[in-house]
Each structure stands twice: as C-alpha cells, then as structure tokens.
Amino acid sequence: MKPVPCLIVIACFGLLVGCAANIPPPELADARQAYSHASATPTSRLVPVELREAREALIRAEESFRDDGISNRTLDLAALAYRKAKLVAALGVIASDSTVAAGARKDIQSTKTEIMKPQ
C-alpha cells in the first residue's frame, strides 16, 4: 500500500473514532428528552423544587459525560436524571389534580350551604 492512501485511511479512522466519542449515550438522550418534556408541561410549575432537582441531576450527567465520556458514572447519573424528570411530570399531575379536587370540594360545600339556607 502506498504511504498517502494509508495515511488517508488512518486519518479517516481517527476522525471517525473522535466523532464517536462525542455522541451521548441513549440514557443521556432519554434524560434530556424527559426533562424537556417535564419542564414544558404547565403542571411543572406546581413542583418547582423537584423541577430544579431534575435540572441539577441532568447537569451533573452532562458534566460527567463531558469529563468522563460514556462511563458507568455517566450512565448512572443519566438514569437518575431521567427518573427525576419523570417524577416531576407525575408529581405535577398529582398537584394539579389535588388543586382541582380541592376546588370541587369547595364548590360542593358552597352548594350544600346554599341549598340548606332557609327560603
């Protein structure tokens, strides 16, 4: 093999390996998507502390990927961030439903009081 084509093949291989290192693992991509979805829902404003914790978990996973690449630590942090984002979505729905239920109970009590008034 001639030296020039051999160098081209080696350079292409190096470029391919270098680019592959920057591709995040599916766990981190899933965590990003879950956080994006959770933070975009209107109910997430009802659980701001949990939303902040999910964002911080995602940031830690991103930093681990940047520093260590695809390591066990990165995968664990990405899984944790994913779960925290899913928890935000669920807790937001629960908080919203609780608010609606409290309003319904108040309306029922108001209606009962109104019905029981002597005419």
PDB file of N, CA and C in Angstrom:
ATOM      1  N   MET A   1       0.850  -1.171   0.000  1.00  0.00           N
ATOM      2  CA  MET A   1       0.000   0.000   0.000  1.00  0.00           C
ATOM      3  C   MET A   1       0.896   1.235   0.000  1.00  0.00           C
ATOM      4  N   LYS A   2       0.512   2.220  -0.765  1.00  0.00           N
ATOM      5  CA  LYS A   2       1.293   3.437  -0.849  1.00  0.00           C
ATOM      6  C   LYS A   2       1.112   4.261   0.426  1.00  0.00           C
ATOM      7  N   PRO A   3       2.094   5.077   0.785  1.00  0.00           N
ATOM      8  CA  PRO A   3       2.020   5.835   2.028  1.00  0.00           C
ATOM      9  C   PRO A   3       0.859   6.831   2.084  1.00  0.00           C
ATOM     10  N   VAL A   4       0.548   7.501   1.010  1.00  0.00           N
ATOM     11  CA  VAL A   4      -0.506   8.525   1.031  1.00  0.00           C
ATOM     12  C   VAL A   4      -1.885   7.910   1.278  1.00  0.00           C
ATOM     13  N   PRO A   5      -2.307   6.853   0.521  1.00  0.00           N
ATOM     14  CA  PRO A   5      -3.614   6.255   0.813  1.00  0.00           C
ATOM     15  C   PRO A   5      -3.673   5.673   2.227  1.00  0.00           C
ATOM     16  N   CYS A   6      -2.570   5.141   2.703  1.00  0.00           N
ATOM     17  CA  CYS A   6      -2.539   4.586   4.054  1.00  0.00           C
ATOM     18  C   CYS A   6      -2.784   5.694   5.081  1.00  0.00           C
ATOM     19  N   LEU A   7      -2.183   6.844   4.880  1.00  0.00           N
ATOM     20  CA  LEU A   7      -2.384   7.974   5.786  1.00  0.00           C
ATOM     21  C   LEU A   7      -3.816   8.479   5.735  1.00  0.00           C
ATOM     22  N   ILE A   8      -4.405   8.445   4.553  1.00  0.00           N
ATOM     23  CA  ILE A   8      -5.798   8.878   4.411  1.00  0.00           C
ATOM     24  C   ILE A   8      -6.724   7.937   5.192  1.00  0.00           C
ATOM     25  N   VAL A   9      -6.479   6.651   5.082  1.00  0.00           N
ATOM     26  CA  VAL A   9      -7.289   5.673   5.806  1.00  0.00           C
ATOM     27  C   VAL A   9      -7.127   5.874   7.311  1.00  0.00           C
ATOM     28  N   ILE A  10      -5.920   6.067   7.774  1.00  0.00           N
ATOM     29  CA  ILE A  10      -5.668   6.272   9.210  1.00  0.00           C
ATOM     30  C   ILE A  10      -6.331   7.569   9.683  1.00  0.00           C
ATOM     31  N   ALA A  11      -6.233   8.627   8.888  1.00  0.00           N
ATOM     32  CA  ALA A  11      -6.850   9.899   9.255  1.00  0.00           C
ATOM     33  C   ALA A  11      -8.371   9.766   9.328  1.00  0.00           C
ATOM     34  N   CYS A  12      -8.966   9.079   8.371  1.00  0.00           N
ATOM     35  CA  CYS A  12     -10.425   8.865   8.380  1.00  0.00           C
ATOM     36  C   CYS A  12     -10.850   8.054   9.593  1.00  0.00           C
ATOM     37  N   PHE A  13     -10.075   7.030   9.919  1.00  0.00           N
ATOM     38  CA  PHE A  13     -10.380   6.210  11.084  1.00  0.00           C
ATOM     39  C   PHE A  13     -10.286   7.049  12.360  1.00  0.00           C
ATOM     40  N   GLY A  14      -9.265   7.862  12.468  1.00  0.00           N
ATOM     41  CA  GLY A  14      -9.103   8.737  13.631  1.00  0.00           C
ATOM     42  C   GLY A  14     -10.248   9.714  13.763  1.00  0.00           C
ATOM     43  N   LEU A  15     -10.671  10.279  12.653  1.00  0.00           N
ATOM     44  CA  LEU A  15     -11.794  11.206  12.657  1.00  0.00           C
ATOM     45  C   LEU A  15     -13.077  10.502  13.092  1.00  0.00           C
ATOM     46  N   LEU A  16     -13.288   9.305  12.598  1.00  0.00           N
ATOM     47  CA  LEU A  16     -14.467   8.524  12.955  1.00  0.00           C
ATOM     48  C   LEU A  16     -14.484   8.214  14.445  1.00  0.00           C
ATOM     49  N   VAL A  17     -13.379   7.782  14.991  1.00  0.00           N
ATOM     50  CA  VAL A  17     -13.289   7.468  16.418  1.00  0.00           C
ATOM     51  C   VAL A  17     -13.472   8.730  17.248  1.00  0.00           C
ATOM     52  N   GLY A  18     -12.894   9.825  16.820  1.00  0.00           N
ATOM     53  CA  GLY A  18     -13.029  11.085  17.543  1.00  0.00           C
ATOM     54  C   GLY A  18     -14.461  11.581  17.585  1.00  0.00           C
ATOM     55  N   CYS A  19     -15.181  11.451  16.507  1.00  0.00           N
ATOM     56  CA  CYS A  19     -16.584  11.884  16.466  1.00  0.00           C
ATOM     57  C   CYS A  19     -17.475  10.965  17.283  1.00  0.00           C
ATOM     58  N   ALA A  20     -17.165   9.702  17.302  1.00  0.00           N
ATOM     59  CA  ALA A  20     -17.980   8.743  18.051  1.00  0.00           C
ATOM     60  C   ALA A  20     -17.922   9.025  19.542  1.00  0.00           C
ATOM     61  N   ALA A  21     -16.826   9.570  20.023  1.00  0.00           N
ATOM     62  CA  ALA A  21     -16.689   9.860  21.447  1.00  0.00           C
ATOM     63  C   ALA A  21     -17.627  10.981  21.882  1.00  0.00           C
ATOM     64  N   ASN A  22     -18.073  11.821  20.964  1.00  0.00           N
ATOM     65  CA  ASN A  22     -18.936  12.939  21.304  1.00  0.00           C
ATOM     66  C   ASN A  22     -20.418  12.607  21.230  1.00  0.00           C
ATOM     67  N   ILE A  23     -20.765  11.417  20.803  1.00  0.00           N
ATOM     68  CA  ILE A  23     -22.168  11.018  20.711  1.00  0.00           C
ATOM     69  C   ILE A  23     -22.618  10.561  22.100  1.00  0.00           C
ATOM     70  N   PRO A  24     -23.637  11.223  22.665  1.00  0.00           N
ATOM     71  CA  PRO A  24     -24.074  10.847  24.013  1.00  0.00           C
ATOM     72  C   PRO A  24     -24.744   9.471  24.011  1.00  0.00           C
ATOM     73  N   PRO A  25     -24.681   8.798  25.154  1.00  0.00           N
ATOM     74  CA  PRO A  25     -25.349   7.507  25.243  1.00  0.00           C
ATOM     75  C   PRO A  25     -26.876   7.697  25.206  1.00  0.00           C
ATOM     76  N   PRO A  26     -27.607   6.656  24.835  1.00  0.00           N
ATOM     77  CA  PRO A  26     -29.078   6.774  24.778  1.00  0.00           C
ATOM     78  C   PRO A  26     -29.687   7.177  26.117  1.00  0.00           C
ATOM     79  N   GLU A  27     -29.073   6.751  27.213  1.00  0.00           N
ATOM     80  CA  GLU A  27     -29.594   7.096  28.541  1.00  0.00           C
ATOM     81  C   GLU A  27     -29.578   8.609  28.760  1.00  0.00           C
ATOM     82  N   LEU A  28     -28.518   9.254  28.304  1.00  0.00           N
ATOM     83  CA  LEU A  28     -28.424  10.702  28.463  1.00  0.00           C
ATOM     84  C   LEU A  28     -29.401  11.412  27.525  1.00  0.00           C
ATOM     85  N   ALA A  29     -29.541  10.906  26.325  1.00  0.00           N
ATOM     86  CA  ALA A  29     -30.512  11.483  25.384  1.00  0.00           C
ATOM     87  C   ALA A  29     -31.932  11.336  25.933  1.00  0.00           C
ATOM     88  N   ASP A  30     -32.230  10.187  26.532  1.00  0.00           N
ATOM     89  CA  ASP A  30     -33.554   9.977  27.139  1.00  0.00           C
ATOM     90  C   ASP A  30     -33.780  10.935  28.300  1.00  0.00           C
ATOM     91  N   ALA A  31     -32.741  11.150  29.115  1.00  0.00           N
ATOM     92  CA  ALA A  31     -32.857  12.074  30.249  1.00  0.00           C
ATOM     93  C   ALA A  31     -33.105  13.492  29.758  1.00  0.00           C
ATOM     94  N   ARG A  32     -32.414  13.892  28.710  1.00  0.00           N
ATOM     95  CA  ARG A  32     -32.624  15.226  28.137  1.00  0.00           C
ATOM     96  C   ARG A  32     -34.060  15.388  27.665  1.00  0.00           C
ATOM     97  N   GLN A  33     -34.550  14.378  26.957  1.00  0.00           N
ATOM     98  CA  GLN A  33     -35.909  14.440  26.412  1.00  0.00           C
ATOM     99  C   GLN A  33     -36.941  14.449  27.540  1.00  0.00           C
ATOM    100  N   ALA A  34     -36.737  13.625  28.556  1.00  0.00           N
ATOM    101  CA  ALA A  34     -37.684  13.569  29.675  1.00  0.00           C
ATOM    102  C   ALA A  34     -37.715  14.902  30.418  1.00  0.00           C
ATOM    103  N   TYR A  35     -36.548  15.508  30.626  1.00  0.00           N
ATOM    104  CA  TYR A  35     -36.513  16.809  31.301  1.00  0.00           C
ATOM    105  C   TYR A  35     -37.177  17.879  30.441  1.00  0.00           C
ATOM    106  N   SER A  36     -36.902  17.867  29.167  1.00  0.00           N
ATOM    107  CA  SER A  36     -37.500  18.841  28.261  1.00  0.00           C
ATOM    108  C   SER A  36     -39.020  18.741  28.296  1.00  0.00           C
ATOM    109  N   HIS A  37     -39.514  17.517  28.257  1.00  0.00           N
ATOM    110  CA  HIS A  37     -40.968  17.304  28.304  1.00  0.00           C
ATOM    111  C   HIS A  37     -41.531  17.755  29.650  1.00  0.00           C
ATOM    112  N   ALA A  38     -40.884  17.350  30.734  1.00  0.00           N
ATOM    113  CA  ALA A  38     -41.388  17.682  32.068  1.00  0.00           C
ATOM    114  C   ALA A  38     -41.393  19.189  32.295  1.00  0.00           C
ATOM    115  N   SER A  39     -40.346  19.870  31.877  1.00  0.00           N
ATOM    116  CA  SER A  39     -40.267  21.311  32.123  1.00  0.00           C
ATOM    117  C   SER A  39     -41.225  22.104  31.231  1.00  0.00           C
ATOM    118  N   ALA A  40     -41.659  21.518  30.134  1.00  0.00           N
ATOM    119  CA  ALA A  40     -42.575  22.204  29.226  1.00  0.00           C
ATOM    120  C   ALA A  40     -44.038  22.065  29.640  1.00  0.00           C
ATOM    121  N   THR A  41     -44.337  21.133  30.525  1.00  0.00           N
ATOM    122  CA  THR A  41     -45.729  20.947  30.933  1.00  0.00           C
ATOM    123  C   THR A  41     -46.134  22.052  31.911  1.00  0.00           C
ATOM    124  N   PRO A  42     -47.367  22.522  31.813  1.00  0.00           N
ATOM    125  CA  PRO A  42     -47.809  23.586  32.716  1.00  0.00           C
ATOM    126  C   PRO A  42     -47.827  23.155  34.183  1.00  0.00           C
ATOM    127  N   THR A  43     -47.992  21.867  34.421  1.00  0.00           N
ATOM    128  CA  THR A  43     -48.065  21.395  35.805  1.00  0.00           C
ATOM    129  C   THR A  43     -46.705  21.398  36.500  1.00  0.00           C
ATOM    130  N   SER A  44     -45.618  21.521  35.744  1.00  0.00           N
ATOM    131  CA  SER A  44     -44.291  21.502  36.372  1.00  0.00           C
ATOM    132  C   SER A  44     -44.079  22.725  37.264  1.00  0.00           C
ATOM    133  N   ARG A  45     -44.800  23.815  37.006  1.00  0.00           N
ATOM    134  CA  ARG A  45     -44.659  24.996  37.850  1.00  0.00           C
ATOM    135  C   ARG A  45     -45.220  24.762  39.253  1.00  0.00           C
ATOM    136  N   LEU A  46     -46.008  23.702  39.406  1.00  0.00           N
ATOM    137  CA  LEU A  46     -46.575  23.370  40.714  1.00  0.00           C
ATOM    138  C   LEU A  46     -45.575  22.637  41.605  1.00  0.00           C
ATOM    139  N   VAL A  47     -44.495  22.152  41.023  1.00  0.00           N
ATOM    140  CA  VAL A  47     -43.471  21.424  41.786  1.00  0.00           C
ATOM    141  C   VAL A  47     -42.079  21.993  41.440  1.00  0.00           C
ATOM    142  N   PRO A  48     -41.840  23.261  41.793  1.00  0.00           N
ATOM    143  CA  PRO A  48     -40.587  23.903  41.383  1.00  0.00           C
ATOM    144  C   PRO A  48     -39.336  23.290  42.004  1.00  0.00           C
ATOM    145  N   VAL A  49     -39.442  22.817  43.228  1.00  0.00           N
ATOM    146  CA  VAL A  49     -38.271  22.221  43.884  1.00  0.00           C
ATOM    147  C   VAL A  49     -37.842  20.955  43.149  1.00  0.00           C
ATOM    148  N   GLU A  50     -38.794  20.109  42.835  1.00  0.00           N
ATOM    149  CA  GLU A  50     -38.488  18.868  42.127  1.00  0.00           C
ATOM    150  C   GLU A  50     -37.966  19.143  40.718  1.00  0.00           C
ATOM    151  N   LEU A  51     -38.507  20.173  40.074  1.00  0.00           N
ATOM    152  CA  LEU A  51     -38.039  20.544  38.738  1.00  0.00           C
ATOM    153  C   LEU A  51     -36.581  21.003  38.792  1.00  0.00           C
ATOM    154  N   ARG A  52     -36.249  21.790  39.810  1.00  0.00           N
ATOM    155  CA  ARG A  52     -34.870  22.243  39.974  1.00  0.00           C
ATOM    156  C   ARG A  52     -33.939  21.054  40.232  1.00  0.00           C
ATOM    157  N   GLU A  53     -34.383  20.104  41.053  1.00  0.00           N
ATOM    158  CA  GLU A  53     -33.570  18.916  41.332  1.00  0.00           C
ATOM    159  C   GLU A  53     -33.352  18.083  40.067  1.00  0.00           C
ATOM    160  N   ALA A  54     -34.367  17.987  39.236  1.00  0.00           N
ATOM    161  CA  ALA A  54     -34.233  17.244  37.972  1.00  0.00           C
ATOM    162  C   ALA A  54     -33.244  17.947  37.047  1.00  0.00           C
ATOM    163  N   ARG A  55     -33.315  19.278  37.001  1.00  0.00           N
ATOM    164  CA  ARG A  55     -32.383  20.036  36.158  1.00  0.00           C
ATOM    165  C   ARG A  55     -30.946  19.853  36.649  1.00  0.00           C
ATOM    166  N   GLU A  56     -30.763  19.899  37.964  1.00  0.00           N
ATOM    167  CA  GLU A  56     -29.423  19.722  38.533  1.00  0.00           C
ATOM    168  C   GLU A  56     -28.891  18.314  38.257  1.00  0.00           C
ATOM    169  N   ALA A  57     -29.761  17.321  38.320  1.00  0.00           N
ATOM    170  CA  ALA A  57     -29.345  15.941  38.025  1.00  0.00           C
ATOM    171  C   ALA A  57     -28.925  15.819  36.567  1.00  0.00           C
ATOM    172  N   LEU A  58     -29.661  16.459  35.667  1.00  0.00           N
ATOM    173  CA  LEU A  58     -29.303  16.426  34.252  1.00  0.00           C
ATOM    174  C   LEU A  58     -27.971  17.138  34.017  1.00  0.00           C
ATOM    175  N   ILE A  59     -27.767  18.251  34.689  1.00  0.00           N
ATOM    176  CA  ILE A  59     -26.495  18.976  34.556  1.00  0.00           C
ATOM    177  C   ILE A  59     -25.332  18.104  35.022  1.00  0.00           C
ATOM    178  N   ARG A  60     -25.511  17.398  36.142  1.00  0.00           N
ATOM    179  CA  ARG A  60     -24.443  16.502  36.632  1.00  0.00           C
ATOM    180  C   ARG A  60     -24.155  15.394  35.625  1.00  0.00           C
ATOM    181  N   ALA A  61     -25.187  14.848  35.010  1.00  0.00           N
ATOM    182  CA  ALA A  61     -24.991  13.800  33.998  1.00  0.00           C
ATOM    183  C   ALA A  61     -24.266  14.361  32.781  1.00  0.00           C
ATOM    184  N   GLU A  62     -24.649  15.567  32.358  1.00  0.00           N
ATOM    185  CA  GLU A  62     -23.988  16.212  31.213  1.00  0.00           C
ATOM    186  C   GLU A  62     -22.514  16.472  31.516  1.00  0.00           C
ATOM    187  N   GLU A  63     -22.228  16.949  32.718  1.00  0.00           N
ATOM    188  CA  GLU A  63     -20.840  17.213  33.107  1.00  0.00           C
ATOM    189  C   GLU A  63     -20.019  15.926  33.155  1.00  0.00           C
ATOM    190  N   SER A  64     -20.626  14.872  33.658  1.00  0.00           N
ATOM    191  CA  SER A  64     -19.930  13.586  33.715  1.00  0.00           C
ATOM    192  C   SER A  64     -19.612  13.087  32.315  1.00  0.00           C
ATOM    193  N   PHE A  65     -20.559  13.248  31.403  1.00  0.00           N
ATOM    194  CA  PHE A  65     -20.313  12.832  30.015  1.00  0.00           C
ATOM    195  C   PHE A  65     -19.198  13.660  29.396  1.00  0.00           C
ATOM    196  N   ARG A  66     -19.232  14.955  29.657  1.00  0.00           N
ATOM    197  CA  ARG A  66     -18.193  15.832  29.109  1.00  0.00           C
ATOM    198  C   ARG A  66     -16.809  15.467  29.671  1.00  0.00           C
ATOM    199  N   ASP A  67     -16.756  15.156  30.971  1.00  0.00           N
ATOM    200  CA  ASP A  67     -15.475  14.873  31.628  1.00  0.00           C
ATOM    201  C   ASP A  67     -14.989  13.440  31.418  1.00  0.00           C
ATOM    202  N   ASP A  68     -15.922  12.472  31.509  1.00  0.00           N
ATOM    203  CA  ASP A  68     -15.536  11.060  31.515  1.00  0.00           C
ATOM    204  C   ASP A  68     -15.992  10.281  30.292  1.00  0.00           C
ATOM    205  N   GLY A  69     -16.796  10.897  29.429  1.00  0.00           N
ATOM    206  CA  GLY A  69     -17.343  10.152  28.299  1.00  0.00           C
ATOM    207  C   GLY A  69     -18.413   9.188  28.789  1.00  0.00           C
ATOM    208  N   ILE A  70     -18.563   8.100  28.072  1.00  0.00           N
ATOM    209  CA  ILE A  70     -19.576   7.107  28.440  1.00  0.00           C
ATOM    210  C   ILE A  70     -18.962   6.180  29.494  1.00  0.00           C
ATOM    211  N   SER A  71     -19.187   6.548  30.744  1.00  0.00           N
ATOM    212  CA  SER A  71     -18.688   5.749  31.862  1.00  0.00           C
ATOM    213  C   SER A  71     -19.877   5.244  32.667  1.00  0.00           C
ATOM    214  N   ASN A  72     -19.607   4.346  33.602  1.00  0.00           N
ATOM    215  CA  ASN A  72     -20.689   3.864  34.468  1.00  0.00           C
ATOM    216  C   ASN A  72     -21.294   5.017  35.269  1.00  0.00           C
ATOM    217  N   ARG A  73     -20.452   5.938  35.699  1.00  0.00           N
ATOM    218  CA  ARG A  73     -20.932   7.089  36.455  1.00  0.00           C
ATOM    219  C   ARG A  73     -21.870   7.929  35.593  1.00  0.00           C
ATOM    220  N   THR A  74     -21.487   8.170  34.356  1.00  0.00           N
ATOM    221  CA  THR A  74     -22.332   8.946  33.443  1.00  0.00           C
ATOM    222  C   THR A  74     -23.670   8.250  33.228  1.00  0.00           C
ATOM    223  N   LEU A  75     -23.630   6.962  33.014  1.00  0.00           N
ATOM    224  CA  LEU A  75     -24.875   6.208  32.785  1.00  0.00           C
ATOM    225  C   LEU A  75     -25.764   6.236  34.025  1.00  0.00           C
ATOM    226  N   ASP A  76     -25.160   6.107  35.206  1.00  0.00           N
ATOM    227  CA  ASP A  76     -25.940   6.155  36.443  1.00  0.00           C
ATOM    228  C   ASP A  76     -26.567   7.532  36.645  1.00  0.00           C
ATOM    229  N   LEU A  77     -25.781   8.573  36.413  1.00  0.00           N
ATOM    230  CA  LEU A  77     -26.309   9.931  36.575  1.00  0.00           C
ATOM    231  C   LEU A  77     -27.392  10.236  35.545  1.00  0.00           C
ATOM    232  N   ALA A  78     -27.235   9.733  34.340  1.00  0.00           N
ATOM    233  CA  ALA A  78     -28.256   9.926  33.307  1.00  0.00           C
ATOM    234  C   ALA A  78     -29.549   9.206  33.702  1.00  0.00           C
ATOM    235  N   ALA A  79     -29.423   8.001  34.233  1.00  0.00           N
ATOM    236  CA  ALA A  79     -30.614   7.261  34.674  1.00  0.00           C
ATOM    237  C   ALA A  79     -31.309   7.993  35.818  1.00  0.00           C
ATOM    238  N   LEU A  80     -30.517   8.536  36.740  1.00  0.00           N
ATOM    239  CA  LEU A  80     -31.092   9.303  37.849  1.00  0.00           C
ATOM    240  C   LEU A  80     -31.803  10.553  37.339  1.00  0.00           C
ATOM    241  N   ALA A  81     -31.188  11.252  36.406  1.00  0.00           N
ATOM    242  CA  ALA A  81     -31.801  12.453  35.838  1.00  0.00           C
ATOM    243  C   ALA A  81     -33.108  12.107  35.119  1.00  0.00           C
ATOM    244  N   TYR A  82     -33.109  10.993  34.402  1.00  0.00           N
ATOM    245  CA  TYR A  82     -34.318  10.544  33.710  1.00  0.00           C
ATOM    246  C   TYR A  82     -35.453  10.296  34.707  1.00  0.00           C
ATOM    247  N   ARG A  83     -35.135   9.587  35.781  1.00  0.00           N
ATOM    248  CA  ARG A  83     -36.160   9.264  36.782  1.00  0.00           C
ATOM    249  C   ARG A  83     -36.673  10.516  37.480  1.00  0.00           C
ATOM    250  N   LYS A  84     -35.781  11.452  37.779  1.00  0.00           N
ATOM    251  CA  LYS A  84     -36.208  12.688  38.425  1.00  0.00           C
ATOM    252  C   LYS A  84     -37.116  13.497  37.491  1.00  0.00           C
ATOM    253  N   ALA A  85     -36.812  13.521  36.209  1.00  0.00           N
ATOM    254  CA  ALA A  85     -37.659  14.240  35.256  1.00  0.00           C
ATOM    255  C   ALA A  85     -39.032  13.585  35.162  1.00  0.00           C
ATOM    256  N   LYS A  86     -39.067  12.267  35.127  1.00  0.00           N
ATOM    257  CA  LYS A  86     -40.359  11.560  35.093  1.00  0.00           C
ATOM    258  C   LYS A  86     -41.144  11.818  36.378  1.00  0.00           C
ATOM    259  N   LEU A  87     -40.431  11.902  37.502  1.00  0.00           N
ATOM    260  CA  LEU A  87     -41.081  12.185  38.778  1.00  0.00           C
ATOM    261  C   LEU A  87     -41.705  13.581  38.765  1.00  0.00           C
ATOM    262  N   VAL A  88     -41.018  14.553  38.184  1.00  0.00           N
ATOM    263  CA  VAL A  88     -41.562  15.910  38.070  1.00  0.00           C
ATOM    264  C   VAL A  88     -42.878  15.881  37.310  1.00  0.00           C
ATOM    265  N   ALA A  89     -42.904  15.172  36.198  1.00  0.00           N
ATOM    266  CA  ALA A  89     -44.127  15.092  35.402  1.00  0.00           C
ATOM    267  C   ALA A  89     -45.268  14.476  36.214  1.00  0.00           C
ATOM    268  N   ALA A  90     -44.973  13.394  36.925  1.00  0.00           N
ATOM    269  CA  ALA A  90     -46.010  12.718  37.709  1.00  0.00           C
ATOM    270  C   ALA A  90     -46.480  13.579  38.882  1.00  0.00           C
ATOM    271  N   LEU A  91     -45.533  14.173  39.610  1.00  0.00           N
ATOM    272  CA  LEU A  91     -45.911  14.999  40.761  1.00  0.00           C
ATOM    273  C   LEU A  91     -46.672  16.251  40.324  1.00  0.00           C
ATOM    274  N   GLY A  92     -46.333  16.774  39.163  1.00  0.00           N
ATOM    275  CA  GLY A  92     -47.064  17.930  38.646  1.00  0.00           C
ATOM    276  C   GLY A  92     -48.517  17.594  38.378  1.00  0.00           C
ATOM    277  N   VAL A  93     -48.753  16.431  37.804  1.00  0.00           N
ATOM    278  CA  VAL A  93     -50.130  15.987  37.541  1.00  0.00           C
ATOM    279  C   VAL A  93     -50.878  15.769  38.858  1.00  0.00           C
ATOM    280  N   ILE A  94     -50.208  15.163  39.825  1.00  0.00           N
ATOM    281  CA  ILE A  94     -50.837  14.930  41.132  1.00  0.00           C
ATOM    282  C   ILE A  94     -51.195  16.259  41.796  1.00  0.00           C
ATOM    283  N   ALA A  95     -50.268  17.204  41.765  1.00  0.00           N
ATOM    284  CA  ALA A  95     -50.533  18.512  42.374  1.00  0.00           C
ATOM    285  C   ALA A  95     -51.689  19.215  41.669  1.00  0.00           C
ATOM    286  N   SER A  96     -51.727  19.124  40.363  1.00  0.00           N
ATOM    287  CA  SER A  96     -52.809  19.736  39.604  1.00  0.00           C
ATOM    288  C   SER A  96     -54.144  19.088  39.949  1.00  0.00           C
ATOM    289  N   ASP A  97     -54.153  17.767  39.990  1.00  0.00           N
ATOM    290  CA  ASP A  97     -55.389  17.055  40.328  1.00  0.00           C
ATOM    291  C   ASP A  97     -55.844  17.380  41.747  1.00  0.00           C
ATOM    292  N   SER A  98     -54.905  17.523  42.665  1.00  0.00           N
ATOM    293  CA  SER A  98     -55.249  17.870  44.045  1.00  0.00           C
ATOM    294  C   SER A  98     -55.880  19.254  44.112  1.00  0.00           C
ATOM    295  N   THR A  99     -55.354  20.178  43.322  1.00  0.00           N
ATOM    296  CA  THR A  99     -55.905  21.528  43.278  1.00  0.00           C
ATOM    297  C   THR A  99     -57.325  21.510  42.720  1.00  0.00           C
ATOM    298  N   VAL A 100     -57.518  20.753  41.672  1.00  0.00           N
ATOM    299  CA  VAL A 100     -58.867  20.635  41.080  1.00  0.00           C
ATOM    300  C   VAL A 100     -59.828  19.994  42.075  1.00  0.00           C
ATOM    301  N   ALA A 101     -59.365  18.946  42.767  1.00  0.00           N
ATOM    302  CA  ALA A 101     -60.223  18.267  43.746  1.00  0.00           C
ATOM    303  C   ALA A 101     -60.588  19.200  44.900  1.00  0.00           C
ATOM    304  N   ALA A 102     -59.626  19.993  45.359  1.00  0.00           N
ATOM    305  CA  ALA A 102     -59.904  20.938  46.443  1.00  0.00           C
ATOM    306  C   ALA A 102     -60.940  21.968  45.994  1.00  0.00           C
ATOM    307  N   GLY A 103     -60.825  22.435  44.763  1.00  0.00           N
ATOM    308  CA  GLY A 103     -61.807  23.375  44.225  1.00  0.00           C
ATOM    309  C   GLY A 103     -63.189  22.747  44.126  1.00  0.00           C
ATOM    310  N   ALA A 104     -63.229  21.489  43.726  1.00  0.00           N
ATOM    311  CA  ALA A 104     -64.515  20.792  43.612  1.00  0.00           C
ATOM    312  C   ALA A 104     -65.152  20.623  44.991  1.00  0.00           C
ATOM    313  N   ARG A 105     -64.337  20.270  45.989  1.00  0.00           N
ATOM    314  CA  ARG A 105     -64.877  20.125  47.353  1.00  0.00           C
ATOM    315  C   ARG A 105     -65.436  21.461  47.859  1.00  0.00           C
ATOM    316  N   LYS A 106     -64.739  22.539  47.554  1.00  0.00           N
ATOM    317  CA  LYS A 106     -65.193  23.867  47.962  1.00  0.00           C
ATOM    318  C   LYS A 106     -66.517  24.201  47.282  1.00  0.00           C
ATOM    319  N   ASP A 107     -66.631  23.883  46.005  1.00  0.00           N
ATOM    320  CA  ASP A 107     -67.884  24.135  45.277  1.00  0.00           C
ATOM    321  C   ASP A 107     -69.029  23.303  45.841  1.00  0.00           C
ATOM    322  N   ILE A 108     -68.736  22.062  46.185  1.00  0.00           N
ATOM    323  CA  ILE A 108     -69.775  21.192  46.761  1.00  0.00           C
ATOM    324  C   ILE A 108     -70.256  21.754  48.086  1.00  0.00           C
ATOM    325  N   GLN A 109     -69.300  22.175  48.918  1.00  0.00           N
ATOM    326  CA  GLN A 109     -69.678  22.727  50.220  1.00  0.00           C
ATOM    327  C   GLN A 109     -70.484  24.007  50.054  1.00  0.00           C
ATOM    328  N   SER A 110     -70.092  24.839  49.113  1.00  0.00           N
ATOM    329  CA  SER A 110     -70.819  26.079  48.848  1.00  0.00           C
ATOM    330  C   SER A 110     -72.238  25.781  48.378  1.00  0.00           C
ATOM    331  N   THR A 111     -72.376  24.811  47.506  1.00  0.00           N
ATOM    332  CA  THR A 111     -73.697  24.427  47.001  1.00  0.00           C
ATOM    333  C   THR A 111     -74.553  23.851  48.123  1.00  0.00           C
ATOM    334  N   LYS A 112     -73.964  23.013  48.985  1.00  0.00           N
ATOM    335  CA  LYS A 112     -74.721  22.451  50.127  1.00  0.00           C
ATOM    336  C   LYS A 112     -75.217  23.562  51.039  1.00  0.00           C
ATOM    337  N   THR A 113     -74.338  24.523  51.304  1.00  0.00           N
ATOM    338  CA  THR A 113     -74.716  25.644  52.179  1.00  0.00           C
ATOM    339  C   THR A 113     -75.856  26.429  51.557  1.00  0.00           C
ATOM    340  N   GLU A 114     -75.774  26.641  50.262  1.00  0.00           N
ATOM    341  CA  GLU A 114     -76.808  27.401  49.557  1.00  0.00           C
ATOM    342  C   GLU A 114     -78.127  26.652  49.564  1.00  0.00           C
ATOM    343  N   ILE A 115     -78.093  25.337  49.392  1.00  0.00           N
ATOM    344  CA  ILE A 115     -79.321  24.534  49.377  1.00  0.00           C
ATOM    345  C   ILE A 115     -79.967  24.518  50.754  1.00  0.00           C
ATOM    346  N   MET A 116     -79.149  24.486  51.792  1.00  0.00           N
ATOM    347  CA  MET A 116     -79.673  24.377  53.156  1.00  0.00           C
ATOM    348  C   MET A 116     -80.189  25.687  53.717  1.00  0.00           C
ATOM    349  N   LYS A 117     -79.966  26.800  53.041  1.00  0.00           N
ATOM    350  CA  LYS A 117     -80.446  28.093  53.515  1.00  0.00           C
ATOM    351  C   LYS A 117     -81.953  28.085  53.563  1.00  0.00           C
ATOM    352  N   PRO A 118     -82.520  28.604  54.644  1.00  0.00           N
ATOM    353  CA  PRO A 118     -83.988  28.703  54.676  1.00  0.00           C
ATOM    354  C   PRO A 118     -84.469  29.759  53.677  1.00  0.00           C
ATOM    355  N   GLN A 119     -85.516  29.481  53.039  1.00  0.00           N
ATOM    356  CA  GLN A 119     -86.061  30.373  51.989  1.00  0.00           C
ATOM    357  C   GLN A 119     -86.884  31.450  52.582  1.00  0.00           C
TER     358      GLN A 119
END
